[in-house]
């Protein structure tokens, strides 16, 4: 979590502003920095192959070789999404909703 000072200090002399900004940087813990983890880096190649396939930059065969389960998952998502896009509400739905609404708005208490 980064802590920002929200008080305005434009009116302070430059020397004081530099000291305050340096103190903020020095107070930040090392945990704020991104550190690569070896086990995640190994998984990145698999994830990278699948992401490249999803972006159209690699073949499905290459992605399946890297992670067949992820490819099957994303293929299923694509199929289900296409099915959902073709679902249409009944034409009378809007008319039924409008007919169910009261003619006038109720008065506020």
PDB file of N, CA and C in Angstrom:
ATOM      1  N   UNK A   1       0.847  -1.166   0.000  1.00  0.00           N
ATOM      2  CA  UNK A   1       0.000   0.000   0.000  1.00  0.00           C
ATOM      3  C   UNK A   1       0.895   1.232   0.000  1.00  0.00           C
ATOM      4  N   UNK A   2       0.605   2.154  -0.885  1.00  0.00           N
ATOM      5  CA  UNK A   2       1.369   3.394  -0.918  1.00  0.00           C
ATOM      6  C   UNK A   2       0.613   4.463  -0.158  1.00  0.00           C
ATOM      7  N   UNK A   3       1.368   5.223   0.598  1.00  0.00           N
ATOM      8  CA  UNK A   3       0.767   6.315   1.341  1.00  0.00           C
ATOM      9  C   UNK A   3       1.170   7.617   0.676  1.00  0.00           C
ATOM     10  N   UNK A   4       0.207   8.388   0.294  1.00  0.00           N
ATOM     11  CA  UNK A   4       0.478   9.684  -0.317  1.00  0.00           C
ATOM     12  C   UNK A   4       0.114  10.775   0.674  1.00  0.00           C
ATOM     13  N   UNK A   5       0.906  11.815   0.656  1.00  0.00           N
ATOM     14  CA  UNK A   5       0.573  12.973   1.480  1.00  0.00           C
ATOM     15  C   UNK A   5      -0.398  13.826   0.682  1.00  0.00           C
ATOM     16  N   UNK A   6      -1.534  14.085   1.260  1.00  0.00           N
ATOM     17  CA  UNK A   6      -2.573  14.819   0.545  1.00  0.00           C
ATOM     18  C   UNK A   6      -2.602  16.299   0.906  1.00  0.00           C
ATOM     19  N   UNK A   7      -1.744  16.708   1.835  1.00  0.00           N
ATOM     20  CA  UNK A   7      -1.727  18.120   2.171  1.00  0.00           C
ATOM     21  C   UNK A   7      -0.903  18.890   1.136  1.00  0.00           C
ATOM     22  N   UNK A   8      -1.397  20.045   0.781  1.00  0.00           N
ATOM     23  CA  UNK A   8      -0.710  20.851  -0.231  1.00  0.00           C
ATOM     24  C   UNK A   8       0.557  21.437   0.371  1.00  0.00           C
ATOM     25  N   UNK A   9       1.640  21.341  -0.373  1.00  0.00           N
ATOM     26  CA  UNK A   9       2.870  21.953   0.118  1.00  0.00           C
ATOM     27  C   UNK A   9       3.570  22.757  -0.977  1.00  0.00           C
ATOM     28  N   UNK A  10       2.769  23.269  -1.920  1.00  0.00           N
ATOM     29  CA  UNK A  10       3.352  24.115  -2.956  1.00  0.00           C
ATOM     30  C   UNK A  10       3.894  25.403  -2.373  1.00  0.00           C
ATOM     31  N   UNK A  11       3.314  25.837  -1.272  1.00  0.00           N
ATOM     32  CA  UNK A  11       3.711  27.117  -0.676  1.00  0.00           C
ATOM     33  C   UNK A  11       4.997  27.002   0.126  1.00  0.00           C
ATOM     34  N   UNK A  12       5.477  25.784   0.358  1.00  0.00           N
ATOM     35  CA  UNK A  12       6.695  25.600   1.141  1.00  0.00           C
ATOM     36  C   UNK A  12       7.922  25.875   0.282  1.00  0.00           C
ATOM     37  N   UNK A  13       9.025  26.259   0.916  1.00  0.00           N
ATOM     38  CA  UNK A  13      10.267  26.449   0.161  1.00  0.00           C
ATOM     39  C   UNK A  13      10.718  25.133  -0.485  1.00  0.00           C
ATOM     40  N   UNK A  14      11.460  25.209  -1.581  1.00  0.00           N
ATOM     41  CA  UNK A  14      11.905  24.028  -2.332  1.00  0.00           C
ATOM     42  C   UNK A  14      12.695  23.067  -1.442  1.00  0.00           C
ATOM     43  N   UNK A  15      13.529  23.583  -0.558  1.00  0.00           N
ATOM     44  CA  UNK A  15      14.355  22.735   0.313  1.00  0.00           C
ATOM     45  C   UNK A  15      13.477  21.870   1.217  1.00  0.00           C
ATOM     46  N   UNK A  16      12.426  22.468   1.752  1.00  0.00           N
ATOM     47  CA  UNK A  16      11.512  21.729   2.632  1.00  0.00           C
ATOM     48  C   UNK A  16      10.745  20.683   1.816  1.00  0.00           C
ATOM     49  N   UNK A  17      10.295  21.039   0.600  1.00  0.00           N
ATOM     50  CA  UNK A  17       9.580  20.078  -0.251  1.00  0.00           C
ATOM     51  C   UNK A  17      10.464  18.885  -0.592  1.00  0.00           C
ATOM     52  N   UNK A  18      11.733  19.123  -0.940  1.00  0.00           N
ATOM     53  CA  UNK A  18      12.654  18.034  -1.264  1.00  0.00           C
ATOM     54  C   UNK A  18      12.851  17.109  -0.075  1.00  0.00           C
ATOM     55  N   UNK A  19      12.968  17.678   1.117  1.00  0.00           N
ATOM     56  CA  UNK A  19      13.160  16.873   2.336  1.00  0.00           C
ATOM     57  C   UNK A  19      11.934  16.012   2.597  1.00  0.00           C
ATOM     58  N   UNK A  20      10.747  16.595   2.454  1.00  0.00           N
ATOM     59  CA  UNK A  20       9.509  15.832   2.684  1.00  0.00           C
ATOM     60  C   UNK A  20       9.363  14.707   1.668  1.00  0.00           C
ATOM     61  N   UNK A  21       9.643  14.985   0.388  1.00  0.00           N
ATOM     62  CA  UNK A  21       9.516  13.961  -0.645  1.00  0.00           C
ATOM     63  C   UNK A  21      10.514  12.841  -0.438  1.00  0.00           C
ATOM     64  N   UNK A  22      11.723  13.150  -0.007  1.00  0.00           N
ATOM     65  CA  UNK A  22      12.732  12.123   0.272  1.00  0.00           C
ATOM     66  C   UNK A  22      12.294  11.262   1.446  1.00  0.00           C
ATOM     67  N   UNK A  23      11.671  11.869   2.450  1.00  0.00           N
ATOM     68  CA  UNK A  23      11.199  11.112   3.609  1.00  0.00           C
ATOM     69  C   UNK A  23      10.104  10.135   3.203  1.00  0.00           C
ATOM     70  N   UNK A  24       9.223  10.553   2.315  1.00  0.00           N
ATOM     71  CA  UNK A  24       8.159   9.663   1.843  1.00  0.00           C
ATOM     72  C   UNK A  24       8.772   8.471   1.119  1.00  0.00           C
ATOM     73  N   UNK A  25       9.773   8.697   0.263  1.00  0.00           N
ATOM     74  CA  UNK A  25      10.424   7.601  -0.466  1.00  0.00           C
ATOM     75  C   UNK A  25      11.156   6.665   0.484  1.00  0.00           C
ATOM     76  N   UNK A  26      11.805   7.208   1.493  1.00  0.00           N
ATOM     77  CA  UNK A  26      12.566   6.384   2.426  1.00  0.00           C
ATOM     78  C   UNK A  26      11.644   5.539   3.306  1.00  0.00           C
ATOM     79  N   UNK A  27      10.426   6.028   3.536  1.00  0.00           N
ATOM     80  CA  UNK A  27       9.487   5.304   4.406  1.00  0.00           C
ATOM     81  C   UNK A  27       8.825   4.122   3.716  1.00  0.00           C
ATOM     82  N   UNK A  28       8.885   4.059   2.405  1.00  0.00           N
ATOM     83  CA  UNK A  28       8.211   2.979   1.687  1.00  0.00           C
ATOM     84  C   UNK A  28       8.935   1.660   1.917  1.00  0.00           C
ATOM     85  N   UNK A  29       8.223   0.641   2.320  1.00  0.00           N
ATOM     86  CA  UNK A  29       8.862  -0.651   2.550  1.00  0.00           C
ATOM     87  C   UNK A  29       9.249  -1.333   1.239  1.00  0.00           C
ATOM     88  N   UNK A  30      10.163  -2.282   1.341  1.00  0.00           N
ATOM     89  CA  UNK A  30      10.617  -3.034   0.178  1.00  0.00           C
ATOM     90  C   UNK A  30       9.461  -3.830  -0.431  1.00  0.00           C
ATOM     91  N   UNK A  31       8.447  -4.139   0.359  1.00  0.00           N
ATOM     92  CA  UNK A  31       7.313  -4.928  -0.119  1.00  0.00           C
ATOM     93  C   UNK A  31       6.552  -4.220  -1.231  1.00  0.00           C
ATOM     94  N   UNK A  32       6.746  -2.915  -1.371  1.00  0.00           N
ATOM     95  CA  UNK A  32       6.074  -2.184  -2.442  1.00  0.00           C
ATOM     96  C   UNK A  32       6.677  -2.472  -3.805  1.00  0.00           C
ATOM     97  N   UNK A  33       7.856  -3.077  -3.826  1.00  0.00           N
ATOM     98  CA  UNK A  33       8.540  -3.322  -5.087  1.00  0.00           C
ATOM     99  C   UNK A  33       8.158  -4.687  -5.644  1.00  0.00           C
ATOM    100  N   UNK A  34       8.071  -4.775  -6.955  1.00  0.00           N
ATOM    101  CA  UNK A  34       7.726  -6.034  -7.608  1.00  0.00           C
ATOM    102  C   UNK A  34       8.966  -6.905  -7.701  1.00  0.00           C
ATOM    103  N   UNK A  35       8.846  -8.135  -7.219  1.00  0.00           N
ATOM    104  CA  UNK A  35       9.962  -9.065  -7.238  1.00  0.00           C
ATOM    105  C   UNK A  35       9.520 -10.329  -7.975  1.00  0.00           C
ATOM    106  N   UNK A  36      10.243 -10.743  -9.022  1.00  0.00           N
ATOM    107  CA  UNK A  36       9.840 -11.947  -9.746  1.00  0.00           C
ATOM    108  C   UNK A  36      10.022 -13.203  -8.891  1.00  0.00           C
ATOM    109  N   UNK A  37       9.049 -14.075  -8.936  1.00  0.00           N
ATOM    110  CA  UNK A  37       9.120 -15.336  -8.207  1.00  0.00           C
ATOM    111  C   UNK A  37       9.423 -16.454  -9.198  1.00  0.00           C
ATOM    112  N   UNK A  38      10.378 -17.351  -8.875  1.00  0.00           N
ATOM    113  CA  UNK A  38      10.779 -18.386  -9.834  1.00  0.00           C
ATOM    114  C   UNK A  38       9.633 -19.305 -10.259  1.00  0.00           C
ATOM    115  N   UNK A  39       8.780 -19.721  -9.320  1.00  0.00           N
ATOM    116  CA  UNK A  39       7.690 -20.636  -9.674  1.00  0.00           C
ATOM    117  C   UNK A  39       6.653 -19.962 -10.551  1.00  0.00           C
ATOM    118  N   UNK A  40       6.471 -18.665 -10.398  1.00  0.00           N
ATOM    119  CA  UNK A  40       5.534 -17.933 -11.232  1.00  0.00           C
ATOM    120  C   UNK A  40       6.128 -17.739 -12.625  1.00  0.00           C
ATOM    121  N   UNK A  41       7.426 -17.512 -12.706  1.00  0.00           N
ATOM    122  CA  UNK A  41       8.077 -17.327 -14.001  1.00  0.00           C
ATOM    123  C   UNK A  41       7.942 -18.582 -14.856  1.00  0.00           C
ATOM    124  N   UNK A  42       8.014 -19.753 -14.240  1.00  0.00           N
ATOM    125  CA  UNK A  42       7.852 -21.007 -14.979  1.00  0.00           C
ATOM    126  C   UNK A  42       6.426 -21.135 -15.503  1.00  0.00           C
ATOM    127  N   UNK A  43       5.456 -20.715 -14.719  1.00  0.00           N
ATOM    128  CA  UNK A  43       4.055 -20.781 -15.136  1.00  0.00           C
ATOM    129  C   UNK A  43       3.753 -19.736 -16.205  1.00  0.00           C
ATOM    130  N   UNK A  44       4.528 -18.658 -16.246  1.00  0.00           N
ATOM    131  CA  UNK A  44       4.295 -17.592 -17.222  1.00  0.00           C
ATOM    132  C   UNK A  44       4.443 -18.079 -18.655  1.00  0.00           C
ATOM    133  N   UNK A  45       5.329 -19.040 -18.897  1.00  0.00           N
ATOM    134  CA  UNK A  45       5.494 -19.527 -20.269  1.00  0.00           C
ATOM    135  C   UNK A  45       4.237 -20.241 -20.734  1.00  0.00           C
ATOM    136  N   UNK A  46       3.619 -20.995 -19.844  1.00  0.00           N
ATOM    137  CA  UNK A  46       2.363 -21.674 -20.165  1.00  0.00           C
ATOM    138  C   UNK A  46       1.263 -20.651 -20.384  1.00  0.00           C
ATOM    139  N   UNK A  47       1.140 -19.729 -19.463  1.00  0.00           N
ATOM    140  CA  UNK A  47       0.120 -18.695 -19.565  1.00  0.00           C
ATOM    141  C   UNK A  47       0.372 -17.843 -20.803  1.00  0.00           C
ATOM    142  N   UNK A  48       1.637 -17.578 -21.085  1.00  0.00           N
ATOM    143  CA  UNK A  48       1.984 -16.776 -22.256  1.00  0.00           C
ATOM    144  C   UNK A  48       1.546 -17.430 -23.548  1.00  0.00           C
ATOM    145  N   UNK A  49       1.729 -18.746 -23.655  1.00  0.00           N
ATOM    146  CA  UNK A  49       1.332 -19.454 -24.870  1.00  0.00           C
ATOM    147  C   UNK A  49      -0.184 -19.380 -25.061  1.00  0.00           C
ATOM    148  N   UNK A  50      -0.924 -19.541 -23.988  1.00  0.00           N
ATOM    149  CA  UNK A  50      -2.391 -19.468 -24.071  1.00  0.00           C
ATOM    150  C   UNK A  50      -2.822 -18.040 -24.410  1.00  0.00           C
ATOM    151  N   UNK A  51      -2.203 -17.052 -23.781  1.00  0.00           N
ATOM    152  CA  UNK A  51      -2.551 -15.661 -24.084  1.00  0.00           C
ATOM    153  C   UNK A  51      -2.235 -15.312 -25.530  1.00  0.00           C
ATOM    154  N   UNK A  52      -1.120 -15.809 -26.048  1.00  0.00           N
ATOM    155  CA  UNK A  52      -0.782 -15.548 -27.449  1.00  0.00           C
ATOM    156  C   UNK A  52      -1.828 -16.165 -28.373  1.00  0.00           C
ATOM    157  N   UNK A  53      -2.312 -17.372 -28.028  1.00  0.00           N
ATOM    158  CA  UNK A  53      -3.361 -18.011 -28.824  1.00  0.00           C
ATOM    159  C   UNK A  53      -4.649 -17.184 -28.767  1.00  0.00           C
ATOM    160  N   UNK A  54      -5.009 -16.716 -27.566  1.00  0.00           N
ATOM    161  CA  UNK A  54      -6.219 -15.915 -27.426  1.00  0.00           C
ATOM    162  C   UNK A  54      -6.119 -14.601 -28.196  1.00  0.00           C
ATOM    163  N   UNK A  55      -4.906 -14.060 -28.292  1.00  0.00           N
ATOM    164  CA  UNK A  55      -4.687 -12.812 -29.035  1.00  0.00           C
ATOM    165  C   UNK A  55      -4.549 -13.041 -30.528  1.00  0.00           C
ATOM    166  N   UNK A  56      -4.546 -14.316 -30.974  1.00  0.00           N
ATOM    167  CA  UNK A  56      -4.411 -14.624 -32.386  1.00  0.00           C
ATOM    168  C   UNK A  56      -2.972 -14.629 -32.871  1.00  0.00           C
ATOM    169  N   UNK A  57      -2.026 -14.665 -31.946  1.00  0.00           N
ATOM    170  CA  UNK A  57      -0.612 -14.611 -32.311  1.00  0.00           C
ATOM    171  C   UNK A  57       0.042 -15.990 -32.373  1.00  0.00           C
ATOM    172  N   UNK A  58      -0.658 -17.026 -31.938  1.00  0.00           N
ATOM    173  CA  UNK A  58      -0.106 -18.381 -31.944  1.00  0.00           C
ATOM    174  C   UNK A  58      -1.211 -19.353 -32.345  1.00  0.00           C
ATOM    175  N   UNK A  59      -0.811 -20.546 -32.711  1.00  0.00           N
ATOM    176  CA  UNK A  59      -1.800 -21.543 -33.128  1.00  0.00           C
ATOM    177  C   UNK A  59      -2.422 -22.212 -31.902  1.00  0.00           C
ATOM    178  N   UNK A  60      -3.591 -22.766 -32.122  1.00  0.00           N
ATOM    179  CA  UNK A  60      -4.262 -23.494 -31.045  1.00  0.00           C
ATOM    180  C   UNK A  60      -3.444 -24.709 -30.632  1.00  0.00           C
ATOM    181  N   UNK A  61      -2.770 -25.341 -31.592  1.00  0.00           N
ATOM    182  CA  UNK A  61      -1.941 -26.518 -31.290  1.00  0.00           C
ATOM    183  C   UNK A  61      -0.810 -26.151 -30.330  1.00  0.00           C
ATOM    184  N   UNK A  62      -0.181 -24.994 -30.537  1.00  0.00           N
ATOM    185  CA  UNK A  62       0.883 -24.561 -29.625  1.00  0.00           C
ATOM    186  C   UNK A  62       0.329 -24.315 -28.228  1.00  0.00           C
ATOM    187  N   UNK A  63      -0.832 -23.696 -28.162  1.00  0.00           N
ATOM    188  CA  UNK A  63      -1.444 -23.420 -26.866  1.00  0.00           C
ATOM    189  C   UNK A  63      -1.855 -24.718 -26.177  1.00  0.00           C
ATOM    190  N   UNK A  64      -2.409 -25.666 -26.936  1.00  0.00           N
ATOM    191  CA  UNK A  64      -2.799 -26.957 -26.350  1.00  0.00           C
ATOM    192  C   UNK A  64      -1.588 -27.705 -25.816  1.00  0.00           C
ATOM    193  N   UNK A  65      -0.474 -27.583 -26.519  1.00  0.00           N
ATOM    194  CA  UNK A  65       0.747 -28.233 -26.066  1.00  0.00           C
ATOM    195  C   UNK A  65       1.203 -27.650 -24.726  1.00  0.00           C
ATOM    196  N   UNK A  66       1.024 -26.339 -24.555  1.00  0.00           N
ATOM    197  CA  UNK A  66       1.434 -25.683 -23.315  1.00  0.00           C
ATOM    198  C   UNK A  66       0.452 -25.962 -22.175  1.00  0.00           C
ATOM    199  N   UNK A  67      -0.855 -25.873 -22.464  1.00  0.00           N
ATOM    200  CA  UNK A  67      -1.850 -26.061 -21.401  1.00  0.00           C
ATOM    201  C   UNK A  67      -3.196 -26.431 -22.022  1.00  0.00           C
ATOM    202  N   UNK A  68      -3.418 -27.724 -22.177  1.00  0.00           N
ATOM    203  CA  UNK A  68      -4.644 -28.210 -22.824  1.00  0.00           C
ATOM    204  C   UNK A  68      -5.890 -27.835 -22.037  1.00  0.00           C
ATOM    205  N   UNK A  69      -5.799 -27.893 -20.719  1.00  0.00           N
ATOM    206  CA  UNK A  69      -6.961 -27.595 -19.886  1.00  0.00           C
ATOM    207  C   UNK A  69      -7.422 -26.145 -20.077  1.00  0.00           C
ATOM    208  N   UNK A  70      -6.474 -25.207 -20.130  1.00  0.00           N
ATOM    209  CA  UNK A  70      -6.826 -23.797 -20.321  1.00  0.00           C
ATOM    210  C   UNK A  70      -7.434 -23.579 -21.705  1.00  0.00           C
ATOM    211  N   UNK A  71      -6.907 -24.253 -22.711  1.00  0.00           N
ATOM    212  CA  UNK A  71      -7.447 -24.101 -24.069  1.00  0.00           C
ATOM    213  C   UNK A  71      -8.871 -24.634 -24.123  1.00  0.00           C
ATOM    214  N   UNK A  72      -9.115 -25.789 -23.492  1.00  0.00           N
ATOM    215  CA  UNK A  72     -10.479 -26.331 -23.468  1.00  0.00           C
ATOM    216  C   UNK A  72     -11.419 -25.370 -22.746  1.00  0.00           C
ATOM    217  N   UNK A  73     -10.949 -24.758 -21.647  1.00  0.00           N
ATOM    218  CA  UNK A  73     -11.762 -23.803 -20.898  1.00  0.00           C
ATOM    219  C   UNK A  73     -12.136 -22.613 -21.776  1.00  0.00           C
ATOM    220  N   UNK A  74     -11.133 -21.993 -22.441  1.00  0.00           N
ATOM    221  CA  UNK A  74     -11.397 -20.805 -23.238  1.00  0.00           C
ATOM    222  C   UNK A  74     -12.205 -21.123 -24.485  1.00  0.00           C
ATOM    223  N   UNK A  75     -12.036 -22.318 -25.032  1.00  0.00           N
ATOM    224  CA  UNK A  75     -12.860 -22.719 -26.176  1.00  0.00           C
ATOM    225  C   UNK A  75     -14.324 -22.842 -25.739  1.00  0.00           C
ATOM    226  N   UNK A  76     -14.533 -23.372 -24.542  1.00  0.00           N
ATOM    227  CA  UNK A  76     -15.899 -23.492 -24.002  1.00  0.00           C
ATOM    228  C   UNK A  76     -16.504 -22.124 -23.728  1.00  0.00           C
ATOM    229  N   UNK A  77     -15.695 -21.215 -23.193  1.00  0.00           N
ATOM    230  CA  UNK A  77     -16.174 -19.847 -22.948  1.00  0.00           C
ATOM    231  C   UNK A  77     -16.591 -19.202 -24.268  1.00  0.00           C
ATOM    232  N   UNK A  78     -15.781 -19.371 -25.313  1.00  0.00           N
ATOM    233  CA  UNK A  78     -16.108 -18.792 -26.618  1.00  0.00           C
ATOM    234  C   UNK A  78     -17.406 -19.375 -27.171  1.00  0.00           C
ATOM    235  N   UNK A  79     -17.574 -20.696 -27.023  1.00  0.00           N
ATOM    236  CA  UNK A  79     -18.787 -21.355 -27.520  1.00  0.00           C
ATOM    237  C   UNK A  79     -20.019 -20.875 -26.752  1.00  0.00           C
ATOM    238  N   UNK A  80     -19.901 -20.822 -25.416  1.00  0.00           N
ATOM    239  CA  UNK A  80     -21.034 -20.382 -24.597  1.00  0.00           C
ATOM    240  C   UNK A  80     -21.380 -18.918 -24.865  1.00  0.00           C
ATOM    241  N   UNK A  81     -20.357 -18.092 -25.068  1.00  0.00           N
ATOM    242  CA  UNK A  81     -20.587 -16.677 -25.355  1.00  0.00           C
ATOM    243  C   UNK A  81     -21.320 -16.508 -26.672  1.00  0.00           C
ATOM    244  N   UNK A  82     -20.918 -17.264 -27.673  1.00  0.00           N
ATOM    245  CA  UNK A  82     -21.585 -17.184 -28.975  1.00  0.00           C
ATOM    246  C   UNK A  82     -23.046 -17.617 -28.856  1.00  0.00           C
ATOM    247  N   UNK A  83     -23.296 -18.649 -28.055  1.00  0.00           N
ATOM    248  CA  UNK A  83     -24.674 -19.101 -27.835  1.00  0.00           C
ATOM    249  C   UNK A  83     -25.490 -18.009 -27.157  1.00  0.00           C
ATOM    250  N   UNK A  84     -24.909 -17.359 -26.160  1.00  0.00           N
ATOM    251  CA  UNK A  84     -25.613 -16.294 -25.436  1.00  0.00           C
ATOM    252  C   UNK A  84     -25.905 -15.101 -26.344  1.00  0.00           C
ATOM    253  N   UNK A  85     -25.013 -14.811 -27.261  1.00  0.00           N
ATOM    254  CA  UNK A  85     -25.230 -13.682 -28.184  1.00  0.00           C
ATOM    255  C   UNK A  85     -26.438 -13.912 -29.070  1.00  0.00           C
ATOM    256  N   UNK A  86     -26.771 -15.152 -29.329  1.00  0.00           N
ATOM    257  CA  UNK A  86     -27.877 -15.462 -30.223  1.00  0.00           C
ATOM    258  C   UNK A  86     -29.214 -15.533 -29.503  1.00  0.00           C
ATOM    259  N   UNK A  87     -29.216 -15.448 -28.183  1.00  0.00           N
ATOM    260  CA  UNK A  87     -30.453 -15.494 -27.416  1.00  0.00           C
ATOM    261  C   UNK A  87     -31.168 -14.151 -27.563  1.00  0.00           C
ATOM    262  N   UNK A  88     -32.412 -14.190 -27.898  1.00  0.00           N
ATOM    263  CA  UNK A  88     -33.224 -12.976 -28.081  1.00  0.00           C
ATOM    264  C   UNK A  88     -34.393 -12.995 -27.107  1.00  0.00           C
ATOM    265  N   UNK A  89     -34.696 -11.846 -26.553  1.00  0.00           N
ATOM    266  CA  UNK A  89     -35.863 -11.731 -25.687  1.00  0.00           C
ATOM    267  C   UNK A  89     -37.119 -11.738 -26.553  1.00  0.00           C
ATOM    268  N   UNK A  90     -38.231 -12.221 -26.023  1.00  0.00           N
ATOM    269  CA  UNK A  90     -39.474 -12.199 -26.798  1.00  0.00           C
ATOM    270  C   UNK A  90     -39.836 -10.770 -27.185  1.00  0.00           C
ATOM    271  N   UNK A  91     -40.403 -10.609 -28.349  1.00  0.00           N
ATOM    272  CA  UNK A  91     -40.728  -9.270 -28.853  1.00  0.00           C
ATOM    273  C   UNK A  91     -41.752  -8.555 -27.972  1.00  0.00           C
ATOM    274  N   UNK A  92     -42.577  -9.294 -27.281  1.00  0.00           N
ATOM    275  CA  UNK A  92     -43.611  -8.671 -26.460  1.00  0.00           C
ATOM    276  C   UNK A  92     -43.087  -8.262 -25.075  1.00  0.00           C
ATOM    277  N   UNK A  93     -41.837  -8.585 -24.746  1.00  0.00           N
ATOM    278  CA  UNK A  93     -41.304  -8.329 -23.409  1.00  0.00           C
ATOM    279  C   UNK A  93     -41.359  -6.845 -23.049  1.00  0.00           C
ATOM    280  N   UNK A  94     -40.919  -5.976 -23.927  1.00  0.00           N
ATOM    281  CA  UNK A  94     -40.938  -4.541 -23.631  1.00  0.00           C
ATOM    282  C   UNK A  94     -42.361  -4.063 -23.386  1.00  0.00           C
ATOM    283  N   UNK A  95     -43.285  -4.504 -24.196  1.00  0.00           N
ATOM    284  CA  UNK A  95     -44.685  -4.092 -24.032  1.00  0.00           C
ATOM    285  C   UNK A  95     -45.242  -4.603 -22.704  1.00  0.00           C
ATOM    286  N   UNK A  96     -44.890  -5.832 -22.322  1.00  0.00           N
ATOM    287  CA  UNK A  96     -45.365  -6.390 -21.046  1.00  0.00           C
ATOM    288  C   UNK A  96     -44.811  -5.595 -19.859  1.00  0.00           C
ATOM    289  N   UNK A  97     -43.549  -5.203 -19.945  1.00  0.00           N
ATOM    290  CA  UNK A  97     -42.949  -4.421 -18.852  1.00  0.00           C
ATOM    291  C   UNK A  97     -43.627  -3.062 -18.753  1.00  0.00           C
ATOM    292  N   UNK A  98     -43.796  -2.404 -19.873  1.00  0.00           N
ATOM    293  CA  UNK A  98     -44.431  -1.083 -19.865  1.00  0.00           C
ATOM    294  C   UNK A  98     -45.873  -1.162 -19.365  1.00  0.00           C
ATOM    295  N   UNK A  99     -46.593  -2.225 -19.709  1.00  0.00           N
ATOM    296  CA  UNK A  99     -47.983  -2.388 -19.260  1.00  0.00           C
ATOM    297  C   UNK A  99     -48.043  -2.632 -17.757  1.00  0.00           C
ATOM    298  N   UNK A 100     -47.009  -3.224 -17.189  1.00  0.00           N
ATOM    299  CA  UNK A 100     -46.995  -3.522 -15.759  1.00  0.00           C
ATOM    300  C   UNK A 100     -46.676  -2.286 -14.913  1.00  0.00           C
ATOM    301  N   UNK A 101     -46.110  -1.250 -15.517  1.00  0.00           N
ATOM    302  CA  UNK A 101     -45.777  -0.037 -14.765  1.00  0.00           C
ATOM    303  C   UNK A 101     -47.043   0.752 -14.473  1.00  0.00           C
ATOM    304  N   UNK A 102     -47.115   1.392 -13.299  1.00  0.00           N
ATOM    305  CA  UNK A 102     -48.298   2.205 -12.989  1.00  0.00           C
ATOM    306  C   UNK A 102     -48.333   3.438 -13.906  1.00  0.00           C
ATOM    307  N   UNK A 103     -49.534   3.935 -14.135  1.00  0.00           N
ATOM    308  CA  UNK A 103     -49.728   5.093 -15.011  1.00  0.00           C
ATOM    309  C   UNK A 103     -49.155   6.373 -14.438  1.00  0.00           C
ATOM    310  N   UNK A 104     -49.165   6.485 -13.104  1.00  0.00           N
ATOM    311  CA  UNK A 104     -48.627   7.690 -12.457  1.00  0.00           C
ATOM    312  C   UNK A 104     -47.658   7.239 -11.370  1.00  0.00           C
ATOM    313  N   UNK A 105     -46.745   8.114 -11.063  1.00  0.00           N
ATOM    314  CA  UNK A 105     -45.778   7.814 -10.013  1.00  0.00           C
ATOM    315  C   UNK A 105     -46.431   8.026  -8.650  1.00  0.00           C
ATOM    316  N   UNK A 106     -46.119   7.164  -7.679  1.00  0.00           N
ATOM    317  CA  UNK A 106     -46.702   7.368  -6.328  1.00  0.00           C
ATOM    318  C   UNK A 106     -46.102   8.626  -5.691  1.00  0.00           C
ATOM    319  N   UNK A 107     -46.882   9.259  -4.838  1.00  0.00           N
ATOM    320  CA  UNK A 107     -46.423  10.462  -4.135  1.00  0.00           C
ATOM    321  C   UNK A 107     -45.478  10.076  -3.017  1.00  0.00           C
ATOM    322  N   UNK A 108     -44.465  10.899  -2.831  1.00  0.00           N
ATOM    323  CA  UNK A 108     -43.501  10.656  -1.756  1.00  0.00           C
ATOM    324  C   UNK A 108     -44.114  11.055  -0.428  1.00  0.00           C
ATOM    325  N   UNK A 109     -43.802  10.338   0.613  1.00  0.00           N
ATOM    326  CA  UNK A 109     -44.340  10.664   1.944  1.00  0.00           C
ATOM    327  C   UNK A 109     -43.542  11.734   2.622  1.00  0.00           C
TER     328      UNK A 109
END
